[in-house]
Amino acid sequence: MTYTIVVLLATLLVLTGIDPLKLTIMSMALTAATLPFSIVPFLILMNDRKYLEEYTNGWLSNAVVILIILLAFVLAVVSIPLQIFGGS
């Protein structure tokens, strides 16, 4: 039932005339924009000594996660305006 509904919704979306490639690129840009907001709570949780005791993240894994968050933020800041104003 769910699969049928999703296929019907996708068919309606195609019938509206929206370019599927542009829609995919825009959704990927919006996903990059939400990534920092979804990762930061996990970063905080993975450093909670009361909850994880000796299994918390070390400095290297924290640095890698922070680097990924910063990279996702830069990608979002660059890709969304390019997608909107780029004309492609």
PDB file of N, CA and C in Angstrom:
ATOM      1  N   MET A   1       0.831  -1.186   0.000  1.00  0.00           N
ATOM      2  CA  MET A   1       0.000   0.000   0.000  1.00  0.00           C
ATOM      3  C   MET A   1       0.884   1.261   0.000  1.00  0.00           C
ATOM      4  N   THR A   2       1.893   1.281   0.884  1.00  0.00           N
ATOM      5  CA  THR A   2       2.775   2.443   0.975  1.00  0.00           C
ATOM      6  C   THR A   2       3.539   2.642  -0.321  1.00  0.00           C
ATOM      7  N   TYR A   3       4.024   1.570  -0.902  1.00  0.00           N
ATOM      8  CA  TYR A   3       4.770   1.662  -2.152  1.00  0.00           C
ATOM      9  C   TYR A   3       3.886   2.228  -3.265  1.00  0.00           C
ATOM     10  N   THR A   4       2.659   1.793  -3.320  1.00  0.00           N
ATOM     11  CA  THR A   4       1.722   2.280  -4.329  1.00  0.00           C
ATOM     12  C   THR A   4       1.462   3.766  -4.160  1.00  0.00           C
ATOM     13  N   ILE A   5       1.298   4.213  -2.930  1.00  0.00           N
ATOM     14  CA  ILE A   5       1.065   5.638  -2.663  1.00  0.00           C
ATOM     15  C   ILE A   5       2.277   6.465  -3.072  1.00  0.00           C
ATOM     16  N   VAL A   6       3.471   5.991  -2.756  1.00  0.00           N
ATOM     17  CA  VAL A   6       4.692   6.720  -3.117  1.00  0.00           C
ATOM     18  C   VAL A   6       4.837   6.803  -4.632  1.00  0.00           C
ATOM     19  N   VAL A   7       4.546   5.723  -5.336  1.00  0.00           N
ATOM     20  CA  VAL A   7       4.629   5.738  -6.796  1.00  0.00           C
ATOM     21  C   VAL A   7       3.597   6.717  -7.369  1.00  0.00           C
ATOM     22  N   LEU A   8       2.410   6.745  -6.824  1.00  0.00           N
ATOM     23  CA  LEU A   8       1.387   7.687  -7.293  1.00  0.00           C
ATOM     24  C   LEU A   8       1.795   9.132  -7.025  1.00  0.00           C
ATOM     25  N   LEU A   9       2.354   9.397  -5.862  1.00  0.00           N
ATOM     26  CA  LEU A   9       2.823  10.758  -5.561  1.00  0.00           C
ATOM     27  C   LEU A   9       3.962  11.162  -6.495  1.00  0.00           C
ATOM     28  N   ALA A  10       4.862  10.243  -6.792  1.00  0.00           N
ATOM     29  CA  ALA A  10       5.956  10.540  -7.720  1.00  0.00           C
ATOM     30  C   ALA A  10       5.406  10.798  -9.120  1.00  0.00           C
ATOM     31  N   THR A  11       4.389  10.065  -9.509  1.00  0.00           N
ATOM     32  CA  THR A  11       3.763  10.291 -10.813  1.00  0.00           C
ATOM     33  C   THR A  11       3.130  11.668 -10.880  1.00  0.00           C
ATOM     34  N   LEU A  12       2.451  12.064  -9.822  1.00  0.00           N
ATOM     35  CA  LEU A  12       1.856  13.407  -9.783  1.00  0.00           C
ATOM     36  C   LEU A  12       2.927  14.489  -9.863  1.00  0.00           C
ATOM     37  N   LEU A  13       4.044  14.249  -9.209  1.00  0.00           N
ATOM     38  CA  LEU A  13       5.145  15.212  -9.241  1.00  0.00           C
ATOM     39  C   LEU A  13       5.714  15.354 -10.653  1.00  0.00           C
ATOM     40  N   VAL A  14       5.849  14.246 -11.355  1.00  0.00           N
ATOM     41  CA  VAL A  14       6.355  14.289 -12.727  1.00  0.00           C
ATOM     42  C   VAL A  14       5.349  14.991 -13.641  1.00  0.00           C
ATOM     43  N   LEU A  15       4.076  14.768 -13.415  1.00  0.00           N
ATOM     44  CA  LEU A  15       3.045  15.389 -14.249  1.00  0.00           C
ATOM     45  C   LEU A  15       2.979  16.907 -14.080  1.00  0.00           C
ATOM     46  N   THR A  16       3.494  17.432 -12.971  1.00  0.00           N
ATOM     47  CA  THR A  16       3.490  18.885 -12.781  1.00  0.00           C
ATOM     48  C   THR A  16       4.517  19.577 -13.664  1.00  0.00           C
ATOM     49  N   GLY A  17       5.446  18.837 -14.217  1.00  0.00           N
ATOM     50  CA  GLY A  17       6.437  19.414 -15.114  1.00  0.00           C
ATOM     51  C   GLY A  17       7.744  19.804 -14.449  1.00  0.00           C
ATOM     52  N   ILE A  18       7.904  19.467 -13.190  1.00  0.00           N
ATOM     53  CA  ILE A  18       9.155  19.763 -12.487  1.00  0.00           C
ATOM     54  C   ILE A  18      10.247  18.833 -13.018  1.00  0.00           C
ATOM     55  N   ASP A  19      11.412  19.402 -13.292  1.00  0.00           N
ATOM     56  CA  ASP A  19      12.543  18.601 -13.767  1.00  0.00           C
ATOM     57  C   ASP A  19      13.060  17.724 -12.624  1.00  0.00           C
ATOM     58  N   PRO A  20      13.041  16.395 -12.786  1.00  0.00           N
ATOM     59  CA  PRO A  20      13.479  15.513 -11.706  1.00  0.00           C
ATOM     60  C   PRO A  20      14.933  15.739 -11.288  1.00  0.00           C
ATOM     61  N   LEU A  21      15.797  16.086 -12.231  1.00  0.00           N
ATOM     62  CA  LEU A  21      17.200  16.325 -11.888  1.00  0.00           C
ATOM     63  C   LEU A  21      17.347  17.567 -11.017  1.00  0.00           C
ATOM     64  N   LYS A  22      16.644  18.647 -11.361  1.00  0.00           N
ATOM     65  CA  LYS A  22      16.697  19.864 -10.545  1.00  0.00           C
ATOM     66  C   LYS A  22      16.125  19.613  -9.149  1.00  0.00           C
ATOM     67  N   LEU A  23      15.051  18.832  -9.097  1.00  0.00           N
ATOM     68  CA  LEU A  23      14.455  18.500  -7.800  1.00  0.00           C
ATOM     69  C   LEU A  23      15.418  17.680  -6.945  1.00  0.00           C
ATOM     70  N   THR A  24      16.118  16.732  -7.574  1.00  0.00           N
ATOM     71  CA  THR A  24      17.086  15.909  -6.849  1.00  0.00           C
ATOM     72  C   THR A  24      18.245  16.751  -6.328  1.00  0.00           C
ATOM     73  N   ILE A  25      18.757  17.643  -7.166  1.00  0.00           N
ATOM     74  CA  ILE A  25      19.879  18.488  -6.751  1.00  0.00           C
ATOM     75  C   ILE A  25      19.460  19.414  -5.609  1.00  0.00           C
ATOM     76  N   MET A  26      18.251  19.982  -5.698  1.00  0.00           N
ATOM     77  CA  MET A  26      17.774  20.855  -4.623  1.00  0.00           C
ATOM     78  C   MET A  26      17.571  20.072  -3.329  1.00  0.00           C
ATOM     79  N   SER A  27      17.042  18.862  -3.423  1.00  0.00           N
ATOM     80  CA  SER A  27      16.850  18.069  -2.208  1.00  0.00           C
ATOM     81  C   SER A  27      18.187  17.676  -1.588  1.00  0.00           C
ATOM     82  N   MET A  28      19.212  17.443  -2.406  1.00  0.00           N
ATOM     83  CA  MET A  28      20.534  17.139  -1.869  1.00  0.00           C
ATOM     84  C   MET A  28      21.133  18.365  -1.176  1.00  0.00           C
ATOM     85  N   ALA A  29      20.898  19.549  -1.735  1.00  0.00           N
ATOM     86  CA  ALA A  29      21.388  20.774  -1.100  1.00  0.00           C
ATOM     87  C   ALA A  29      20.684  21.003   0.235  1.00  0.00           C
ATOM     88  N   LEU A  30      19.379  20.750   0.289  1.00  0.00           N
ATOM     89  CA  LEU A  30      18.647  20.909   1.554  1.00  0.00           C
ATOM     90  C   LEU A  30      19.072  19.859   2.578  1.00  0.00           C
ATOM     91  N   THR A  31      19.411  18.676   2.115  1.00  0.00           N
ATOM     92  CA  THR A  31      19.923  17.643   3.018  1.00  0.00           C
ATOM     93  C   THR A  31      21.259  18.073   3.622  1.00  0.00           C
ATOM     94  N   ALA A  32      22.112  18.680   2.800  1.00  0.00           N
ATOM     95  CA  ALA A  32      23.379  19.197   3.315  1.00  0.00           C
ATOM     96  C   ALA A  32      23.143  20.294   4.345  1.00  0.00           C
ATOM     97  N   ALA A  33      22.067  21.056   4.179  1.00  0.00           N
ATOM     98  CA  ALA A  33      21.756  22.131   5.131  1.00  0.00           C
ATOM     99  C   ALA A  33      21.276  21.573   6.473  1.00  0.00           C
ATOM    100  N   THR A  34      20.591  20.446   6.460  1.00  0.00           N
ATOM    101  CA  THR A  34      20.082  19.877   7.711  1.00  0.00           C
ATOM    102  C   THR A  34      21.095  19.000   8.430  1.00  0.00           C
ATOM    103  N   LEU A  35      22.141  18.595   7.748  1.00  0.00           N
ATOM    104  CA  LEU A  35      23.123  17.695   8.359  1.00  0.00           C
ATOM    105  C   LEU A  35      23.750  18.245   9.641  1.00  0.00           C
ATOM    106  N   PRO A  36      24.208  19.512   9.676  1.00  0.00           N
ATOM    107  CA  PRO A  36      24.782  19.994  10.940  1.00  0.00           C
ATOM    108  C   PRO A  36      23.801  19.954  12.115  1.00  0.00           C
ATOM    109  N   PHE A  37      22.527  20.225  11.839  1.00  0.00           N
ATOM    110  CA  PHE A  37      21.536  20.219  12.915  1.00  0.00           C
ATOM    111  C   PHE A  37      21.221  18.817  13.417  1.00  0.00           C
ATOM    112  N   SER A  38      21.422  17.824  12.581  1.00  0.00           N
ATOM    113  CA  SER A  38      21.158  16.458  13.024  1.00  0.00           C
ATOM    114  C   SER A  38      22.385  15.788  13.644  1.00  0.00           C
ATOM    115  N   ILE A  39      23.575  16.263  13.330  1.00  0.00           N
ATOM    116  CA  ILE A  39      24.795  15.642  13.838  1.00  0.00           C
ATOM    117  C   ILE A  39      25.227  16.213  15.186  1.00  0.00           C
ATOM    118  N   VAL A  40      25.011  17.501  15.422  1.00  0.00           N
ATOM    119  CA  VAL A  40      25.467  18.143  16.668  1.00  0.00           C
ATOM    120  C   VAL A  40      24.904  17.457  17.912  1.00  0.00           C
ATOM    121  N   PRO A  41      23.610  17.093  17.968  1.00  0.00           N
ATOM    122  CA  PRO A  41      23.146  16.379  19.174  1.00  0.00           C
ATOM    123  C   PRO A  41      23.865  15.049  19.411  1.00  0.00           C
ATOM    124  N   PHE A  42      24.203  14.351  18.324  1.00  0.00           N
ATOM    125  CA  PHE A  42      24.952  13.097  18.479  1.00  0.00           C
ATOM    126  C   PHE A  42      26.366  13.355  18.982  1.00  0.00           C
ATOM    127  N   LEU A  43      26.966  14.444  18.543  1.00  0.00           N
ATOM    128  CA  LEU A  43      28.292  14.805  19.029  1.00  0.00           C
ATOM    129  C   LEU A  43      28.252  15.065  20.531  1.00  0.00           C
ATOM    130  N   ILE A  44      27.241  15.765  20.981  1.00  0.00           N
ATOM    131  CA  ILE A  44      27.085  16.028  22.418  1.00  0.00           C
ATOM    132  C   ILE A  44      26.847  14.726  23.178  1.00  0.00           C
ATOM    133  N   LEU A  45      25.986  13.878  22.639  1.00  0.00           N
ATOM    134  CA  LEU A  45      25.684  12.603  23.293  1.00  0.00           C
ATOM    135  C   LEU A  45      26.904  11.691  23.357  1.00  0.00           C
ATOM    136  N   MET A  46      27.705  11.681  22.297  1.00  0.00           N
ATOM    137  CA  MET A  46      28.868  10.796  22.268  1.00  0.00           C
ATOM    138  C   MET A  46      30.002  11.275  23.178  1.00  0.00           C
ATOM    139  N   ASN A  47      29.850  12.428  23.808  1.00  0.00           N
ATOM    140  CA  ASN A  47      30.844  12.917  24.760  1.00  0.00           C
ATOM    141  C   ASN A  47      30.317  12.961  26.190  1.00  0.00           C
ATOM    142  N   ASP A  48      29.145  12.392  26.421  1.00  0.00           N
ATOM    143  CA  ASP A  48      28.538  12.388  27.752  1.00  0.00           C
ATOM    144  C   ASP A  48      29.097  11.229  28.574  1.00  0.00           C
ATOM    145  N   ARG A  49      29.942  11.557  29.537  1.00  0.00           N
ATOM    146  CA  ARG A  49      30.589  10.519  30.367  1.00  0.00           C
ATOM    147  C   ARG A  49      29.600   9.808  31.291  1.00  0.00           C
ATOM    148  N   LYS A  50      28.536  10.493  31.703  1.00  0.00           N
ATOM    149  CA  LYS A  50      27.543   9.840  32.561  1.00  0.00           C
ATOM    150  C   LYS A  50      26.799   8.743  31.813  1.00  0.00           C
ATOM    151  N   TYR A  51      26.557   8.973  30.546  1.00  0.00           N
ATOM    152  CA  TYR A  51      25.777   8.025  29.754  1.00  0.00           C
ATOM    153  C   TYR A  51      26.644   6.913  29.157  1.00  0.00           C
ATOM    154  N   LEU A  52      27.816   7.263  28.632  1.00  0.00           N
ATOM    155  CA  LEU A  52      28.645   6.277  27.928  1.00  0.00           C
ATOM    156  C   LEU A  52      29.863   5.803  28.712  1.00  0.00           C
ATOM    157  N   GLU A  53      30.104   6.414  29.858  1.00  0.00           N
ATOM    158  CA  GLU A  53      31.241   6.075  30.710  1.00  0.00           C
ATOM    159  C   GLU A  53      32.556   6.116  29.939  1.00  0.00           C
ATOM    160  N   GLU A  54      33.260   4.992  29.791  1.00  0.00           N
ATOM    161  CA  GLU A  54      34.574   5.018  29.136  1.00  0.00           C
ATOM    162  C   GLU A  54      34.490   4.908  27.609  1.00  0.00           C
ATOM    163  N   TYR A  55      33.294   4.832  27.053  1.00  0.00           N
ATOM    164  CA  TYR A  55      33.123   4.660  25.610  1.00  0.00           C
ATOM    165  C   TYR A  55      32.864   5.967  24.862  1.00  0.00           C
ATOM    166  N   THR A  56      33.173   7.081  25.472  1.00  0.00           N
ATOM    167  CA  THR A  56      32.964   8.366  24.803  1.00  0.00           C
ATOM    168  C   THR A  56      33.978   8.559  23.677  1.00  0.00           C
ATOM    169  N   ASN A  57      33.687   9.528  22.820  1.00  0.00           N
ATOM    170  CA  ASN A  57      34.594   9.848  21.717  1.00  0.00           C
ATOM    171  C   ASN A  57      35.903  10.406  22.249  1.00  0.00           C
ATOM    172  N   GLY A  58      36.951  10.151  21.512  1.00  0.00           N
ATOM    173  CA  GLY A  58      38.241  10.754  21.811  1.00  0.00           C
ATOM    174  C   GLY A  58      38.400  12.049  21.038  1.00  0.00           C
ATOM    175  N   TRP A  59      39.556  12.670  21.188  1.00  0.00           N
ATOM    176  CA  TRP A  59      39.764  13.962  20.534  1.00  0.00           C
ATOM    177  C   TRP A  59      39.803  13.831  19.017  1.00  0.00           C
ATOM    178  N   LEU A  60      40.331  12.702  18.504  1.00  0.00           N
ATOM    179  CA  LEU A  60      40.425  12.524  17.060  1.00  0.00           C
ATOM    180  C   LEU A  60      39.041  12.356  16.428  1.00  0.00           C
ATOM    181  N   SER A  61      38.217  11.520  17.029  1.00  0.00           N
ATOM    182  CA  SER A  61      36.877  11.323  16.462  1.00  0.00           C
ATOM    183  C   SER A  61      36.034  12.587  16.586  1.00  0.00           C
ATOM    184  N   ASN A  62      36.212  13.343  17.672  1.00  0.00           N
ATOM    185  CA  ASN A  62      35.511  14.626  17.800  1.00  0.00           C
ATOM    186  C   ASN A  62      35.972  15.605  16.722  1.00  0.00           C
ATOM    187  N   ALA A  63      37.256  15.626  16.449  1.00  0.00           N
ATOM    188  CA  ALA A  63      37.776  16.524  15.422  1.00  0.00           C
ATOM    189  C   ALA A  63      37.232  16.156  14.045  1.00  0.00           C
ATOM    190  N   VAL A  64      37.143  14.866  13.756  1.00  0.00           N
ATOM    191  CA  VAL A  64      36.615  14.423  12.461  1.00  0.00           C
ATOM    192  C   VAL A  64      35.141  14.790  12.335  1.00  0.00           C
ATOM    193  N   VAL A  65      34.364  14.588  13.384  1.00  0.00           N
ATOM    194  CA  VAL A  65      32.940  14.929  13.347  1.00  0.00           C
ATOM    195  C   VAL A  65      32.750  16.435  13.183  1.00  0.00           C
ATOM    196  N   ILE A  66      33.530  17.226  13.886  1.00  0.00           N
ATOM    197  CA  ILE A  66      33.434  18.683  13.756  1.00  0.00           C
ATOM    198  C   ILE A  66      33.826  19.112  12.344  1.00  0.00           C
ATOM    199  N   LEU A  67      34.830  18.483  11.777  1.00  0.00           N
ATOM    200  CA  LEU A  67      35.225  18.787  10.394  1.00  0.00           C
ATOM    201  C   LEU A  67      34.094  18.461   9.419  1.00  0.00           C
ATOM    202  N   ILE A  68      33.428  17.345   9.616  1.00  0.00           N
ATOM    203  CA  ILE A  68      32.302  16.965   8.761  1.00  0.00           C
ATOM    204  C   ILE A  68      31.154  17.961   8.914  1.00  0.00           C
ATOM    205  N   ILE A  69      30.882  18.398  10.146  1.00  0.00           N
ATOM    206  CA  ILE A  69      29.822  19.385  10.373  1.00  0.00           C
ATOM    207  C   ILE A  69      30.157  20.693   9.659  1.00  0.00           C
ATOM    208  N   LEU A  70      31.400  21.147   9.783  1.00  0.00           N
ATOM    209  CA  LEU A  70      31.801  22.385   9.110  1.00  0.00           C
ATOM    210  C   LEU A  70      31.734  22.242   7.590  1.00  0.00           C
ATOM    211  N   LEU A  71      32.154  21.109   7.070  1.00  0.00           N
ATOM    212  CA  LEU A  71      32.095  20.874   5.637  1.00  0.00           C
ATOM    213  C   LEU A  71      30.648  20.868   5.144  1.00  0.00           C
ATOM    214  N   ALA A  72      29.760  20.231   5.877  1.00  0.00           N
ATOM    215  CA  ALA A  72      28.340  20.213   5.501  1.00  0.00           C
ATOM    216  C   ALA A  72      27.750  21.612   5.550  1.00  0.00           C
ATOM    217  N   PHE A  73      28.148  22.403   6.538  1.00  0.00           N
ATOM    218  CA  PHE A  73      27.650  23.776   6.632  1.00  0.00           C
ATOM    219  C   PHE A  73      28.122  24.607   5.437  1.00  0.00           C
ATOM    220  N   VAL A  74      29.386  24.469   5.078  1.00  0.00           N
ATOM    221  CA  VAL A  74      29.916  25.208   3.924  1.00  0.00           C
ATOM    222  C   VAL A  74      29.216  24.764   2.644  1.00  0.00           C
ATOM    223  N   LEU A  75      29.010  23.466   2.495  1.00  0.00           N
ATOM    224  CA  LEU A  75      28.305  22.963   1.313  1.00  0.00           C
ATOM    225  C   LEU A  75      26.889  23.520   1.231  1.00  0.00           C
ATOM    226  N   ALA A  76      26.213  23.598   2.361  1.00  0.00           N
ATOM    227  CA  ALA A  76      24.853  24.130   2.368  1.00  0.00           C
ATOM    228  C   ALA A  76      24.845  25.612   2.025  1.00  0.00           C
ATOM    229  N   VAL A  77      25.762  26.364   2.607  1.00  0.00           N
ATOM    230  CA  VAL A  77      25.810  27.810   2.360  1.00  0.00           C
ATOM    231  C   VAL A  77      26.139  28.096   0.894  1.00  0.00           C
ATOM    232  N   VAL A  78      26.945  27.264   0.280  1.00  0.00           N
ATOM    233  CA  VAL A  78      27.340  27.490  -1.115  1.00  0.00           C
ATOM    234  C   VAL A  78      26.313  26.906  -2.090  1.00  0.00           C
ATOM    235  N   SER A  79      25.830  25.703  -1.820  1.00  0.00           N
ATOM    236  CA  SER A  79      25.023  25.003  -2.820  1.00  0.00           C
ATOM    237  C   SER A  79      23.594  25.530  -2.943  1.00  0.00           C
ATOM    238  N   ILE A  80      22.982  25.949  -1.854  1.00  0.00           N
ATOM    239  CA  ILE A  80      21.589  26.410  -1.943  1.00  0.00           C
ATOM    240  C   ILE A  80      21.473  27.682  -2.764  1.00  0.00           C
ATOM    241  N   PRO A  81      22.264  28.727  -2.512  1.00  0.00           N
ATOM    242  CA  PRO A  81      22.165  29.912  -3.386  1.00  0.00           C
ATOM    243  C   PRO A  81      22.539  29.606  -4.837  1.00  0.00           C
ATOM    244  N   LEU A  82      23.528  28.747  -5.060  1.00  0.00           N
ATOM    245  CA  LEU A  82      23.878  28.378  -6.428  1.00  0.00           C
ATOM    246  C   LEU A  82      22.719  27.656  -7.112  1.00  0.00           C
ATOM    247  N   GLN A  83      22.033  26.829  -6.383  1.00  0.00           N
ATOM    248  CA  GLN A  83      20.899  26.098  -6.955  1.00  0.00           C
ATOM    249  C   GLN A  83      19.756  27.071  -7.279  1.00  0.00           C
ATOM    250  N   ILE A  84      19.508  28.020  -6.398  1.00  0.00           N
ATOM    251  CA  ILE A  84      18.394  28.940  -6.605  1.00  0.00           C
ATOM    252  C   ILE A  84      18.714  29.958  -7.695  1.00  0.00           C
ATOM    253  N   PHE A  85      19.896  30.554  -7.637  1.00  0.00           N
ATOM    254  CA  PHE A  85      20.237  31.642  -8.555  1.00  0.00           C
ATOM    255  C   PHE A  85      21.076  31.201  -9.740  1.00  0.00           C
ATOM    256  N   GLY A  86      21.492  29.947  -9.768  1.00  0.00           N
ATOM    257  CA  GLY A  86      22.373  29.477 -10.827  1.00  0.00           C
ATOM    258  C   GLY A  86      21.694  29.299 -12.168  1.00  0.00           C
ATOM    259  N   GLY A  87      20.404  29.082 -12.155  1.00  0.00           N
ATOM    260  CA  GLY A  87      19.671  28.948 -13.398  1.00  0.00           C
ATOM    261  C   GLY A  87      19.761  27.592 -14.052  1.00  0.00           C
ATOM    262  N   SER A  88      20.356  26.619 -13.376  1.00  0.00           N
ATOM    263  CA  SER A  88      20.414  25.296 -13.990  1.00  0.00           C
ATOM    264  C   SER A  88      19.672  24.275 -13.168  1.00  0.00           C
TER     265      SER A  88
END
